[in-house]
């Protein structure tokens, strides 16, 4: 992915490889970093793979924003996967839905 796709960060990788200049960090190394960071922080391993749980939390916390923008910012190619796999129900949003209804009235002729 180059500067054209992500103009805000320029031509550099967000996570460059520490071993190979001009290449991104390998998934295995990034996963090892994540597991080590969780261990140091005393954070229990989340359900649903290494990065998936964090992406799911990120997407769920942005449900109040337009799906198309959340998908673009999160790197999803479509909103379908974002909605199906990443946005999850949560108690606060469910309560807001229950309490946020409006009164419906019949149209006067």
PDB file of N, CA and C in Angstrom:
ATOM      1  N   UNK A   1       0.853  -1.160   0.000  1.00  0.00           N
ATOM      2  CA  UNK A   1       0.000   0.000   0.000  1.00  0.00           C
ATOM      3  C   UNK A   1       0.902   1.227   0.000  1.00  0.00           C
ATOM      4  N   UNK A   2       0.683   2.102  -0.926  1.00  0.00           N
ATOM      5  CA  UNK A   2       1.557   3.246  -1.069  1.00  0.00           C
ATOM      6  C   UNK A   2       0.921   4.545  -0.636  1.00  0.00           C
ATOM      7  N   UNK A   3       1.592   5.635  -0.971  1.00  0.00           N
ATOM      8  CA  UNK A   3       1.149   6.966  -0.576  1.00  0.00           C
ATOM      9  C   UNK A   3      -0.209   7.314  -1.168  1.00  0.00           C
ATOM     10  N   UNK A   4      -0.515   6.809  -2.338  1.00  0.00           N
ATOM     11  CA  UNK A   4      -1.799   7.124  -2.970  1.00  0.00           C
ATOM     12  C   UNK A   4      -2.965   6.583  -2.150  1.00  0.00           C
ATOM     13  N   UNK A   5      -2.837   5.365  -1.602  1.00  0.00           N
ATOM     14  CA  UNK A   5      -3.909   4.757  -0.817  1.00  0.00           C
ATOM     15  C   UNK A   5      -4.017   5.353   0.582  1.00  0.00           C
ATOM     16  N   UNK A   6      -2.899   5.778   1.153  1.00  0.00           N
ATOM     17  CA  UNK A   6      -2.865   6.337   2.504  1.00  0.00           C
ATOM     18  C   UNK A   6      -2.049   7.632   2.498  1.00  0.00           C
ATOM     19  N   UNK A   7      -2.598   8.705   1.921  1.00  0.00           N
ATOM     20  CA  UNK A   7      -1.820   9.934   1.775  1.00  0.00           C
ATOM     21  C   UNK A   7      -1.404  10.559   3.104  1.00  0.00           C
ATOM     22  N   UNK A   8      -2.102  10.260   4.189  1.00  0.00           N
ATOM     23  CA  UNK A   8      -1.769  10.872   5.479  1.00  0.00           C
ATOM     24  C   UNK A   8      -0.447  10.404   6.066  1.00  0.00           C
ATOM     25  N   UNK A   9       0.016   9.220   5.680  1.00  0.00           N
ATOM     26  CA  UNK A   9       1.257   8.718   6.256  1.00  0.00           C
ATOM     27  C   UNK A   9       2.397   8.722   5.252  1.00  0.00           C
ATOM     28  N   UNK A  10       2.140   9.189   4.072  1.00  0.00           N
ATOM     29  CA  UNK A  10       3.208   9.262   3.081  1.00  0.00           C
ATOM     30  C   UNK A  10       3.554   7.901   2.515  1.00  0.00           C
ATOM     31  N   UNK A  11       4.773   7.806   2.004  1.00  0.00           N
ATOM     32  CA  UNK A  11       5.202   6.589   1.331  1.00  0.00           C
ATOM     33  C   UNK A  11       5.748   5.544   2.293  1.00  0.00           C
ATOM     34  N   UNK A  12       5.866   5.869   3.565  1.00  0.00           N
ATOM     35  CA  UNK A  12       6.424   4.934   4.543  1.00  0.00           C
ATOM     36  C   UNK A  12       5.347   3.995   5.083  1.00  0.00           C
ATOM     37  N   UNK A  13       5.758   2.790   5.472  1.00  0.00           N
ATOM     38  CA  UNK A  13       4.835   1.859   6.114  1.00  0.00           C
ATOM     39  C   UNK A  13       4.560   2.338   7.530  1.00  0.00           C
ATOM     40  N   UNK A  14       3.338   2.123   7.998  1.00  0.00           N
ATOM     41  CA  UNK A  14       2.986   2.486   9.362  1.00  0.00           C
ATOM     42  C   UNK A  14       3.806   1.665  10.349  1.00  0.00           C
ATOM     43  N   UNK A  15       3.996   0.375  10.038  1.00  0.00           N
ATOM     44  CA  UNK A  15       4.834  -0.511  10.840  1.00  0.00           C
ATOM     45  C   UNK A  15       5.912  -1.093   9.940  1.00  0.00           C
ATOM     46  N   UNK A  16       7.030  -0.387   9.785  1.00  0.00           N
ATOM     47  CA  UNK A  16       8.093  -0.892   8.914  1.00  0.00           C
ATOM     48  C   UNK A  16       8.831  -2.065   9.555  1.00  0.00           C
ATOM     49  N   UNK A  17       9.376  -2.908   8.716  1.00  0.00           N
ATOM     50  CA  UNK A  17      10.145  -4.045   9.198  1.00  0.00           C
ATOM     51  C   UNK A  17      11.427  -3.562   9.868  1.00  0.00           C
ATOM     52  N   UNK A  18      11.724  -4.064  11.062  1.00  0.00           N
ATOM     53  CA  UNK A  18      12.989  -3.695  11.694  1.00  0.00           C
ATOM     54  C   UNK A  18      14.181  -4.406  11.048  1.00  0.00           C
ATOM     55  N   UNK A  19      13.899  -5.443  10.254  1.00  0.00           N
ATOM     56  CA  UNK A  19      14.969  -6.237   9.650  1.00  0.00           C
ATOM     57  C   UNK A  19      15.217  -5.910   8.178  1.00  0.00           C
ATOM     58  N   UNK A  20      14.165  -5.496   7.460  1.00  0.00           N
ATOM     59  CA  UNK A  20      14.286  -5.268   6.018  1.00  0.00           C
ATOM     60  C   UNK A  20      13.755  -3.887   5.662  1.00  0.00           C
ATOM     61  N   UNK A  21      14.639  -2.996   5.318  1.00  0.00           N
ATOM     62  CA  UNK A  21      14.243  -1.640   4.944  1.00  0.00           C
ATOM     63  C   UNK A  21      13.305  -1.672   3.740  1.00  0.00           C
ATOM     64  N   UNK A  22      12.282  -0.826   3.781  1.00  0.00           N
ATOM     65  CA  UNK A  22      11.355  -0.726   2.670  1.00  0.00           C
ATOM     66  C   UNK A  22      10.261  -1.774   2.651  1.00  0.00           C
ATOM     67  N   UNK A  23      10.186  -2.616   3.675  1.00  0.00           N
ATOM     68  CA  UNK A  23       9.144  -3.641   3.745  1.00  0.00           C
ATOM     69  C   UNK A  23       8.344  -3.468   5.037  1.00  0.00           C
ATOM     70  N   UNK A  24       7.091  -3.945   5.035  1.00  0.00           N
ATOM     71  CA  UNK A  24       6.307  -3.864   6.273  1.00  0.00           C
ATOM     72  C   UNK A  24       6.746  -4.934   7.267  1.00  0.00           C
ATOM     73  N   UNK A  25       6.420  -4.722   8.524  1.00  0.00           N
ATOM     74  CA  UNK A  25       6.703  -5.734   9.535  1.00  0.00           C
ATOM     75  C   UNK A  25       5.892  -6.984   9.189  1.00  0.00           C
ATOM     76  N   UNK A  26       6.461  -8.146   9.420  1.00  0.00           N
ATOM     77  CA  UNK A  26       5.753  -9.390   9.142  1.00  0.00           C
ATOM     78  C   UNK A  26       4.678  -9.618  10.215  1.00  0.00           C
ATOM     79  N   UNK A  27       3.590 -10.253   9.793  1.00  0.00           N
ATOM     80  CA  UNK A  27       2.467 -10.512  10.687  1.00  0.00           C
ATOM     81  C   UNK A  27       2.928 -11.260  11.947  1.00  0.00           C
ATOM     82  N   UNK A  28       3.775 -12.247  11.756  1.00  0.00           N
ATOM     83  CA  UNK A  28       4.215 -13.069  12.891  1.00  0.00           C
ATOM     84  C   UNK A  28       4.934 -12.225  13.944  1.00  0.00           C
ATOM     85  N   UNK A  29       5.745 -11.265  13.491  1.00  0.00           N
ATOM     86  CA  UNK A  29       6.457 -10.402  14.436  1.00  0.00           C
ATOM     87  C   UNK A  29       5.480  -9.450  15.128  1.00  0.00           C
ATOM     88  N   UNK A  30       4.551  -8.875  14.375  1.00  0.00           N
ATOM     89  CA  UNK A  30       3.565  -7.982  14.975  1.00  0.00           C
ATOM     90  C   UNK A  30       2.713  -8.738  15.997  1.00  0.00           C
ATOM     91  N   UNK A  31       2.363  -9.978  15.691  1.00  0.00           N
ATOM     92  CA  UNK A  31       1.592 -10.794  16.640  1.00  0.00           C
ATOM     93  C   UNK A  31       2.404 -11.076  17.895  1.00  0.00           C
ATOM     94  N   UNK A  32       3.683 -11.374  17.729  1.00  0.00           N
ATOM     95  CA  UNK A  32       4.551 -11.611  18.883  1.00  0.00           C
ATOM     96  C   UNK A  32       4.639 -10.355  19.749  1.00  0.00           C
ATOM     97  N   UNK A  33       4.742  -9.189  19.109  1.00  0.00           N
ATOM     98  CA  UNK A  33       4.769  -7.931  19.864  1.00  0.00           C
ATOM     99  C   UNK A  33       3.483  -7.751  20.659  1.00  0.00           C
ATOM    100  N   UNK A  34       2.348  -8.049  20.025  1.00  0.00           N
ATOM    101  CA  UNK A  34       1.061  -7.902  20.701  1.00  0.00           C
ATOM    102  C   UNK A  34       0.973  -8.836  21.908  1.00  0.00           C
ATOM    103  N   UNK A  35       1.334 -10.085  21.729  1.00  0.00           N
ATOM    104  CA  UNK A  35       1.276 -11.046  22.839  1.00  0.00           C
ATOM    105  C   UNK A  35       2.199 -10.638  23.972  1.00  0.00           C
ATOM    106  N   UNK A  36       3.374 -10.122  23.649  1.00  0.00           N
ATOM    107  CA  UNK A  36       4.308  -9.661  24.678  1.00  0.00           C
ATOM    108  C   UNK A  36       3.752  -8.438  25.397  1.00  0.00           C
ATOM    109  N   UNK A  37       3.152  -7.525  24.660  1.00  0.00           N
ATOM    110  CA  UNK A  37       2.561  -6.335  25.280  1.00  0.00           C
ATOM    111  C   UNK A  37       1.415  -6.720  26.216  1.00  0.00           C
ATOM    112  N   UNK A  38       0.589  -7.677  25.803  1.00  0.00           N
ATOM    113  CA  UNK A  38      -0.495  -8.146  26.668  1.00  0.00           C
ATOM    114  C   UNK A  38       0.070  -8.796  27.934  1.00  0.00           C
ATOM    115  N   UNK A  39       1.137  -9.577  27.779  1.00  0.00           N
ATOM    116  CA  UNK A  39       1.752 -10.231  28.933  1.00  0.00           C
ATOM    117  C   UNK A  39       2.307  -9.200  29.908  1.00  0.00           C
ATOM    118  N   UNK A  40       3.048  -8.217  29.407  1.00  0.00           N
ATOM    119  CA  UNK A  40       3.640  -7.184  30.256  1.00  0.00           C
ATOM    120  C   UNK A  40       2.564  -6.372  30.969  1.00  0.00           C
ATOM    121  N   UNK A  41       1.482  -6.077  30.245  1.00  0.00           N
ATOM    122  CA  UNK A  41       0.395  -5.275  30.812  1.00  0.00           C
ATOM    123  C   UNK A  41      -0.512  -6.083  31.728  1.00  0.00           C
ATOM    124  N   UNK A  42      -0.361  -7.403  31.727  1.00  0.00           N
ATOM    125  CA  UNK A  42      -1.223  -8.244  32.542  1.00  0.00           C
ATOM    126  C   UNK A  42      -2.635  -8.351  31.998  1.00  0.00           C
ATOM    127  N   UNK A  43      -2.773  -8.152  30.693  1.00  0.00           N
ATOM    128  CA  UNK A  43      -4.078  -8.237  30.036  1.00  0.00           C
ATOM    129  C   UNK A  43      -4.313  -9.684  29.630  1.00  0.00           C
ATOM    130  N   UNK A  44      -5.451 -10.254  30.019  1.00  0.00           N
ATOM    131  CA  UNK A  44      -5.723 -11.627  29.597  1.00  0.00           C
ATOM    132  C   UNK A  44      -5.937 -11.692  28.087  1.00  0.00           C
ATOM    133  N   UNK A  45      -5.624 -12.828  27.508  1.00  0.00           N
ATOM    134  CA  UNK A  45      -5.807 -13.009  26.062  1.00  0.00           C
ATOM    135  C   UNK A  45      -7.287 -12.884  25.731  1.00  0.00           C
ATOM    136  N   UNK A  46      -7.571 -12.089  24.721  1.00  0.00           N
ATOM    137  CA  UNK A  46      -8.952 -11.899  24.273  1.00  0.00           C
ATOM    138  C   UNK A  46      -9.384 -13.063  23.398  1.00  0.00           C
ATOM    139  N   UNK A  47     -10.690 -13.346  23.428  1.00  0.00           N
ATOM    140  CA  UNK A  47     -11.241 -14.357  22.529  1.00  0.00           C
ATOM    141  C   UNK A  47     -11.170 -13.846  21.097  1.00  0.00           C
ATOM    142  N   UNK A  48     -10.966 -14.730  20.163  1.00  0.00           N
ATOM    143  CA  UNK A  48     -11.074 -14.365  18.756  1.00  0.00           C
ATOM    144  C   UNK A  48      -9.791 -13.903  18.126  1.00  0.00           C
ATOM    145  N   UNK A  49      -8.752 -14.640  18.224  1.00  0.00           N
ATOM    146  CA  UNK A  49      -7.448 -14.392  17.604  1.00  0.00           C
ATOM    147  C   UNK A  49      -6.740 -13.195  18.203  1.00  0.00           C
ATOM    148  N   UNK A  50      -5.580 -12.929  17.696  1.00  0.00           N
ATOM    149  CA  UNK A  50      -4.776 -11.862  18.288  1.00  0.00           C
ATOM    150  C   UNK A  50      -5.318 -10.471  17.982  1.00  0.00           C
ATOM    151  N   UNK A  51      -5.370 -10.094  16.731  1.00  0.00           N
ATOM    152  CA  UNK A  51      -5.767  -8.733  16.365  1.00  0.00           C
ATOM    153  C   UNK A  51      -7.267  -8.590  16.201  1.00  0.00           C
ATOM    154  N   UNK A  52      -7.967  -9.684  15.928  1.00  0.00           N
ATOM    155  CA  UNK A  52      -9.404  -9.625  15.660  1.00  0.00           C
ATOM    156  C   UNK A  52     -10.165  -8.979  16.820  1.00  0.00           C
ATOM    157  N   UNK A  53      -9.847  -9.351  18.044  1.00  0.00           N
ATOM    158  CA  UNK A  53     -10.562  -8.811  19.201  1.00  0.00           C
ATOM    159  C   UNK A  53     -10.396  -7.297  19.300  1.00  0.00           C
ATOM    160  N   UNK A  54      -9.237  -6.803  18.986  1.00  0.00           N
ATOM    161  CA  UNK A  54      -9.001  -5.355  19.042  1.00  0.00           C
ATOM    162  C   UNK A  54      -9.727  -4.636  17.909  1.00  0.00           C
ATOM    163  N   UNK A  55      -9.717  -5.230  16.729  1.00  0.00           N
ATOM    164  CA  UNK A  55     -10.449  -4.634  15.605  1.00  0.00           C
ATOM    165  C   UNK A  55     -11.957  -4.641  15.894  1.00  0.00           C
ATOM    166  N   UNK A  56     -12.436  -5.727  16.514  1.00  0.00           N
ATOM    167  CA  UNK A  56     -13.855  -5.821  16.860  1.00  0.00           C
ATOM    168  C   UNK A  56     -14.219  -4.733  17.873  1.00  0.00           C
ATOM    169  N   UNK A  57     -13.390  -4.544  18.886  1.00  0.00           N
ATOM    170  CA  UNK A  57     -13.644  -3.487  19.871  1.00  0.00           C
ATOM    171  C   UNK A  57     -13.610  -2.101  19.249  1.00  0.00           C
ATOM    172  N   UNK A  58     -12.654  -1.895  18.356  1.00  0.00           N
ATOM    173  CA  UNK A  58     -12.522  -0.604  17.672  1.00  0.00           C
ATOM    174  C   UNK A  58     -13.771  -0.313  16.842  1.00  0.00           C
ATOM    175  N   UNK A  59     -14.221  -1.305  16.086  1.00  0.00           N
ATOM    176  CA  UNK A  59     -15.399  -1.124  15.229  1.00  0.00           C
ATOM    177  C   UNK A  59     -16.666  -0.946  16.066  1.00  0.00           C
ATOM    178  N   UNK A  60     -16.808  -1.721  17.128  1.00  0.00           N
ATOM    179  CA  UNK A  60     -17.995  -1.642  17.974  1.00  0.00           C
ATOM    180  C   UNK A  60     -18.088  -0.283  18.655  1.00  0.00           C
ATOM    181  N   UNK A  61     -16.965   0.267  19.076  1.00  0.00           N
ATOM    182  CA  UNK A  61     -16.995   1.565  19.755  1.00  0.00           C
ATOM    183  C   UNK A  61     -17.296   2.713  18.793  1.00  0.00           C
ATOM    184  N   UNK A  62     -17.354   2.426  17.511  1.00  0.00           N
ATOM    185  CA  UNK A  62     -17.656   3.453  16.511  1.00  0.00           C
ATOM    186  C   UNK A  62     -18.982   3.195  15.795  1.00  0.00           C
ATOM    187  N   UNK A  63     -19.864   2.389  16.406  1.00  0.00           N
ATOM    188  CA  UNK A  63     -21.153   2.075  15.781  1.00  0.00           C
ATOM    189  C   UNK A  63     -22.003   3.319  15.574  1.00  0.00           C
ATOM    190  N   UNK A  64     -21.781   4.345  16.354  1.00  0.00           N
ATOM    191  CA  UNK A  64     -22.576   5.569  16.240  1.00  0.00           C
ATOM    192  C   UNK A  64     -22.169   6.416  15.032  1.00  0.00           C
ATOM    193  N   UNK A  65     -21.091   6.036  14.367  1.00  0.00           N
ATOM    194  CA  UNK A  65     -20.607   6.754  13.186  1.00  0.00           C
ATOM    195  C   UNK A  65     -21.052   6.033  11.915  1.00  0.00           C
ATOM    196  N   UNK A  66     -21.087   6.715  10.784  1.00  0.00           N
ATOM    197  CA  UNK A  66     -21.509   6.050   9.541  1.00  0.00           C
ATOM    198  C   UNK A  66     -20.628   4.848   9.199  1.00  0.00           C
ATOM    199  N   UNK A  67     -21.276   3.724   8.877  1.00  0.00           N
ATOM    200  CA  UNK A  67     -20.551   2.484   8.563  1.00  0.00           C
ATOM    201  C   UNK A  67     -19.526   2.672   7.457  1.00  0.00           C
ATOM    202  N   UNK A  68     -19.895   3.434   6.439  1.00  0.00           N
ATOM    203  CA  UNK A  68     -18.987   3.605   5.306  1.00  0.00           C
ATOM    204  C   UNK A  68     -17.685   4.277   5.753  1.00  0.00           C
ATOM    205  N   UNK A  69     -17.766   5.202   6.681  1.00  0.00           N
ATOM    206  CA  UNK A  69     -16.569   5.880   7.163  1.00  0.00           C
ATOM    207  C   UNK A  69     -15.757   4.992   8.105  1.00  0.00           C
ATOM    208  N   UNK A  70     -16.449   4.237   8.950  1.00  0.00           N
ATOM    209  CA  UNK A  70     -15.747   3.312   9.851  1.00  0.00           C
ATOM    210  C   UNK A  70     -15.017   2.249   9.037  1.00  0.00           C
ATOM    211  N   UNK A  71     -15.682   1.724   8.009  1.00  0.00           N
ATOM    212  CA  UNK A  71     -15.060   0.707   7.154  1.00  0.00           C
ATOM    213  C   UNK A  71     -13.824   1.273   6.471  1.00  0.00           C
ATOM    214  N   UNK A  72     -13.926   2.470   5.931  1.00  0.00           N
ATOM    215  CA  UNK A  72     -12.778   3.077   5.242  1.00  0.00           C
ATOM    216  C   UNK A  72     -11.626   3.323   6.206  1.00  0.00           C
ATOM    217  N   UNK A  73     -11.916   3.850   7.381  1.00  0.00           N
ATOM    218  CA  UNK A  73     -10.859   4.141   8.356  1.00  0.00           C
ATOM    219  C   UNK A  73     -10.216   2.865   8.887  1.00  0.00           C
ATOM    220  N   UNK A  74     -10.999   1.792   8.993  1.00  0.00           N
ATOM    221  CA  UNK A  74     -10.485   0.539   9.529  1.00  0.00           C
ATOM    222  C   UNK A  74      -9.871  -0.385   8.497  1.00  0.00           C
ATOM    223  N   UNK A  75      -9.937   0.006   7.232  1.00  0.00           N
ATOM    224  CA  UNK A  75      -9.316  -0.801   6.192  1.00  0.00           C
ATOM    225  C   UNK A  75     -10.193  -1.901   5.618  1.00  0.00           C
ATOM    226  N   UNK A  76     -11.494  -1.890   5.946  1.00  0.00           N
ATOM    227  CA  UNK A  76     -12.397  -2.870   5.361  1.00  0.00           C
ATOM    228  C   UNK A  76     -12.787  -2.410   3.967  1.00  0.00           C
ATOM    229  N   UNK A  77     -12.889  -3.339   3.032  1.00  0.00           N
ATOM    230  CA  UNK A  77     -13.239  -2.984   1.659  1.00  0.00           C
ATOM    231  C   UNK A  77     -14.729  -2.752   1.479  1.00  0.00           C
ATOM    232  N   UNK A  78     -15.533  -3.296   2.394  1.00  0.00           N
ATOM    233  CA  UNK A  78     -16.970  -3.085   2.319  1.00  0.00           C
ATOM    234  C   UNK A  78     -17.530  -3.003   3.730  1.00  0.00           C
ATOM    235  N   UNK A  79     -18.747  -2.511   3.838  1.00  0.00           N
ATOM    236  CA  UNK A  79     -19.381  -2.429   5.151  1.00  0.00           C
ATOM    237  C   UNK A  79     -19.971  -3.767   5.582  1.00  0.00           C
ATOM    238  N   UNK A  80     -20.133  -4.709   4.646  1.00  0.00           N
ATOM    239  CA  UNK A  80     -20.745  -6.001   4.971  1.00  0.00           C
ATOM    240  C   UNK A  80     -19.932  -6.752   6.035  1.00  0.00           C
ATOM    241  N   UNK A  81     -18.640  -6.877   5.825  1.00  0.00           N
ATOM    242  CA  UNK A  81     -17.799  -7.583   6.792  1.00  0.00           C
ATOM    243  C   UNK A  81     -17.737  -6.823   8.111  1.00  0.00           C
ATOM    244  N   UNK A  82     -17.650  -5.514   8.026  1.00  0.00           N
ATOM    245  CA  UNK A  82     -17.639  -4.687   9.238  1.00  0.00           C
ATOM    246  C   UNK A  82     -18.863  -4.991  10.089  1.00  0.00           C
ATOM    247  N   UNK A  83     -20.039  -4.971   9.489  1.00  0.00           N
ATOM    248  CA  UNK A  83     -21.275  -5.191  10.246  1.00  0.00           C
ATOM    249  C   UNK A  83     -21.431  -6.642  10.686  1.00  0.00           C
ATOM    250  N   UNK A  84     -21.102  -7.591   9.810  1.00  0.00           N
ATOM    251  CA  UNK A  84     -21.333  -9.004  10.107  1.00  0.00           C
ATOM    252  C   UNK A  84     -20.352  -9.550  11.149  1.00  0.00           C
ATOM    253  N   UNK A  85     -19.088  -9.161  11.058  1.00  0.00           N
ATOM    254  CA  UNK A  85     -18.058  -9.798  11.875  1.00  0.00           C
ATOM    255  C   UNK A  85     -17.486  -8.926  12.993  1.00  0.00           C
ATOM    256  N   UNK A  86     -17.563  -7.622  12.853  1.00  0.00           N
ATOM    257  CA  UNK A  86     -16.828  -6.777  13.793  1.00  0.00           C
ATOM    258  C   UNK A  86     -17.704  -5.948  14.716  1.00  0.00           C
ATOM    259  N   UNK A  87     -18.795  -5.386  14.236  1.00  0.00           N
ATOM    260  CA  UNK A  87     -19.645  -4.607  15.121  1.00  0.00           C
ATOM    261  C   UNK A  87     -20.490  -5.566  15.947  1.00  0.00           C
ATOM    262  N   UNK A  88     -20.403  -5.438  17.249  1.00  0.00           N
ATOM    263  CA  UNK A  88     -21.094  -6.340  18.159  1.00  0.00           C
ATOM    264  C   UNK A  88     -22.110  -5.572  19.005  1.00  0.00           C
ATOM    265  N   UNK A  89     -23.205  -6.232  19.409  1.00  0.00           N
ATOM    266  CA  UNK A  89     -24.135  -5.575  20.324  1.00  0.00           C
ATOM    267  C   UNK A  89     -23.435  -5.316  21.654  1.00  0.00           C
ATOM    268  N   UNK A  90     -23.797  -4.229  22.307  1.00  0.00           N
ATOM    269  CA  UNK A  90     -23.257  -3.949  23.637  1.00  0.00           C
ATOM    270  C   UNK A  90     -24.369  -3.364  24.496  1.00  0.00           C
ATOM    271  N   UNK A  91     -24.299  -3.536  25.819  1.00  0.00           N
ATOM    272  CA  UNK A  91     -25.390  -3.108  26.700  1.00  0.00           C
ATOM    273  C   UNK A  91     -25.746  -1.625  26.572  1.00  0.00           C
ATOM    274  N   UNK A  92     -24.776  -0.754  26.452  1.00  0.00           N
ATOM    275  CA  UNK A  92     -25.072   0.682  26.374  1.00  0.00           C
ATOM    276  C   UNK A  92     -25.858   1.020  25.111  1.00  0.00           C
ATOM    277  N   UNK A  93     -25.463   0.442  23.984  1.00  0.00           N
ATOM    278  CA  UNK A  93     -26.166   0.730  22.738  1.00  0.00           C
ATOM    279  C   UNK A  93     -27.553   0.099  22.734  1.00  0.00           C
ATOM    280  N   UNK A  94     -27.684  -1.102  23.278  1.00  0.00           N
ATOM    281  CA  UNK A  94     -29.003  -1.744  23.359  1.00  0.00           C
ATOM    282  C   UNK A  94     -29.942  -0.895  24.215  1.00  0.00           C
ATOM    283  N   UNK A  95     -29.463  -0.390  25.347  1.00  0.00           N
ATOM    284  CA  UNK A  95     -30.278   0.475  26.196  1.00  0.00           C
ATOM    285  C   UNK A  95     -30.670   1.747  25.450  1.00  0.00           C
ATOM    286  N   UNK A  96     -29.734   2.342  24.712  1.00  0.00           N
ATOM    287  CA  UNK A  96     -30.045   3.552  23.940  1.00  0.00           C
ATOM    288  C   UNK A  96     -31.121   3.272  22.899  1.00  0.00           C
ATOM    289  N   UNK A  97     -31.089   2.097  22.290  1.00  0.00           N
ATOM    290  CA  UNK A  97     -32.110   1.722  21.303  1.00  0.00           C
ATOM    291  C   UNK A  97     -33.470   1.585  21.982  1.00  0.00           C
ATOM    292  N   UNK A  98     -33.504   0.928  23.140  1.00  0.00           N
ATOM    293  CA  UNK A  98     -34.767   0.721  23.859  1.00  0.00           C
ATOM    294  C   UNK A  98     -35.349   2.059  24.314  1.00  0.00           C
ATOM    295  N   UNK A  99     -34.520   2.940  24.830  1.00  0.00           N
ATOM    296  CA  UNK A  99     -35.000   4.211  25.359  1.00  0.00           C
ATOM    297  C   UNK A  99     -35.168   5.292  24.295  1.00  0.00           C
ATOM    298  N   UNK A 100     -34.600   5.091  23.127  1.00  0.00           N
ATOM    299  CA  UNK A 100     -34.568   6.139  22.119  1.00  0.00           C
ATOM    300  C   UNK A 100     -35.680   6.121  21.103  1.00  0.00           C
ATOM    301  N   UNK A 101     -36.717   5.352  21.343  1.00  0.00           N
ATOM    302  CA  UNK A 101     -37.811   5.315  20.375  1.00  0.00           C
ATOM    303  C   UNK A 101     -38.603   6.622  20.370  1.00  0.00           C
ATOM    304  N   UNK A 102     -39.311   6.849  19.305  1.00  0.00           N
ATOM    305  CA  UNK A 102     -40.166   8.028  19.208  1.00  0.00           C
ATOM    306  C   UNK A 102     -41.615   7.575  19.127  1.00  0.00           C
ATOM    307  N   UNK A 103     -42.500   8.423  19.570  1.00  0.00           N
ATOM    308  CA  UNK A 103     -43.922   8.095  19.523  1.00  0.00           C
ATOM    309  C   UNK A 103     -44.414   8.226  18.093  1.00  0.00           C
ATOM    310  N   UNK A 104     -45.091   7.193  17.622  1.00  0.00           N
ATOM    311  CA  UNK A 104     -45.653   7.217  16.281  1.00  0.00           C
ATOM    312  C   UNK A 104     -47.107   7.653  16.365  1.00  0.00           C
ATOM    313  N   UNK A 105     -47.492   8.521  15.483  1.00  0.00           N
ATOM    314  CA  UNK A 105     -48.873   9.006  15.467  1.00  0.00           C
ATOM    315  C   UNK A 105     -49.466   8.789  14.083  1.00  0.00           C
ATOM    316  N   UNK A 106     -50.778   8.577  14.059  1.00  0.00           N
ATOM    317  CA  UNK A 106     -51.445   8.439  12.782  1.00  0.00           C
ATOM    318  C   UNK A 106     -51.519   9.802  12.113  1.00  0.00           C
ATOM    319  N   UNK A 107     -51.371   9.768  10.796  1.00  0.00           N
ATOM    320  CA  UNK A 107     -51.458  11.004  10.029  1.00  0.00           C
ATOM    321  C   UNK A 107     -52.903  11.500  10.019  1.00  0.00           C
ATOM    322  N   UNK A 108     -53.079  12.775  10.291  1.00  0.00           N
ATOM    323  CA  UNK A 108     -54.431  13.375  10.291  1.00  0.00           C
ATOM    324  C   UNK A 108     -54.848  13.662   8.849  1.00  0.00           C
ATOM    325  N   UNK A 109     -56.062  13.285   8.496  1.00  0.00           N
ATOM    326  CA  UNK A 109     -56.555  13.501   7.122  1.00  0.00           C
ATOM    327  C   UNK A 109     -57.055  14.906   6.933  1.00  0.00           C
TER     328      UNK A 109
END
